[in-house]
Amino acid sequence: MPKRILQGTVTSDANAQTVTVSVERRFKHPLLQKTVRKSKKYRAHDENNSFKVGDTVRIQECPPRSKTKRWEVIAE
């Protein structure tokens, strides 16, 4: 099964080798037919601490690195 890849914006880089990435998805509300924006935060592994707040990154699923990290940043 292929690994999922998501695109989002780095919202925090305070921790060592970890970035918090906010991923936004848009969909049409089933009843109101209005476009709704929802976002979710993912903690991703950043080996070299190379990404800063505001960067647009792509993250990919990986085996668990810690209690909360199940994603890793793909180098761009």
Protein backbone atom coordinates (compact mmCIF):
# COMPACT_ATOMS: atom_id res chain seq x y z
CA MET A 1 0.00 0.00 0.00
CA PRO A 2 1.46 3.42 -0.92
CA LYS A 3 2.31 5.93 1.75
CA ARG A 4 0.11 8.99 2.07
CA ILE A 5 1.64 12.35 1.19
CA LEU A 6 0.18 15.62 2.47
CA GLN A 7 1.12 19.25 1.89
CA GLY A 8 0.96 21.92 4.56
CA THR A 9 2.60 24.84 6.31
CA VAL A 10 5.08 24.64 9.18
CA THR A 11 3.53 26.28 12.26
CA SER A 12 6.21 25.41 14.84
CA ASP A 13 9.87 24.37 14.81
CA ALA A 14 10.59 24.73 18.54
CA ASN A 15 11.46 21.09 19.19
CA ALA A 16 14.64 19.32 18.08
CA GLN A 17 14.21 17.36 14.82
CA THR A 18 10.45 17.98 14.86
CA VAL A 19 8.17 20.39 13.05
CA THR A 20 4.44 20.88 13.45
CA VAL A 21 2.69 21.03 10.08
CA SER A 22 -0.83 22.39 9.62
CA VAL A 23 -2.63 20.68 6.72
CA GLU A 24 -5.78 22.32 5.39
CA ARG A 25 -8.45 20.47 3.45
CA ARG A 26 -11.43 21.94 1.63
CA PHE A 27 -14.71 20.25 0.91
CA LYS A 28 -18.28 21.14 0.08
CA HIS A 29 -20.77 20.89 2.94
CA PRO A 30 -23.26 18.11 2.08
CA LEU A 31 -26.40 20.12 2.94
CA LEU A 32 -25.45 23.78 2.62
CA GLN A 33 -23.20 23.33 -0.45
CA LYS A 34 -20.78 25.85 1.04
CA THR A 35 -17.03 25.33 0.82
CA VAL A 36 -15.70 24.48 4.27
CA ARG A 37 -12.03 24.70 5.35
CA LYS A 38 -10.76 22.36 8.04
CA SER A 39 -7.20 22.06 9.26
CA LYS A 40 -5.34 19.44 11.23
CA LYS A 41 -1.86 19.52 12.77
CA TYR A 42 0.68 16.76 12.28
CA ARG A 43 4.06 16.38 14.00
CA ALA A 44 6.72 15.41 11.48
CA HIS A 45 10.35 14.34 11.74
CA ASP A 46 12.85 16.88 10.36
CA GLU A 47 16.30 15.27 10.56
CA ASN A 48 18.43 18.39 9.97
CA ASN A 49 16.17 21.09 11.50
CA SER A 50 16.13 22.67 8.04
CA PHE A 51 12.52 23.93 7.92
CA LYS A 52 11.30 27.12 9.59
CA VAL A 53 7.89 28.57 10.46
CA GLY A 54 5.96 29.55 7.33
CA ASP A 55 7.64 27.07 4.97
CA THR A 56 5.40 24.98 2.73
CA VAL A 57 6.39 21.31 3.05
CA ARG A 58 5.27 17.86 2.00
CA ILE A 59 5.04 15.13 4.65
CA GLN A 60 4.88 11.37 4.20
CA GLU A 61 3.75 8.56 6.47
CA CYS A 62 6.47 6.57 8.22
CA PRO A 63 6.80 4.05 11.06
CA PRO A 64 6.38 5.65 14.50
CA ARG A 65 9.40 7.76 15.49
CA SER A 66 8.01 8.69 18.92
CA LYS A 67 4.73 8.83 20.82
CA THR A 68 3.32 11.55 18.56
CA LYS A 69 5.43 11.43 15.36
CA ARG A 70 4.21 9.21 12.52
CA TRP A 71 5.19 11.51 9.63
CA GLU A 72 8.45 12.68 8.08
CA VAL A 73 9.24 15.73 5.97
CA ILE A 74 10.12 15.01 2.35
CA ALA A 75 13.13 17.06 1.25
CA GLU A 76 12.15 19.64 -1.39
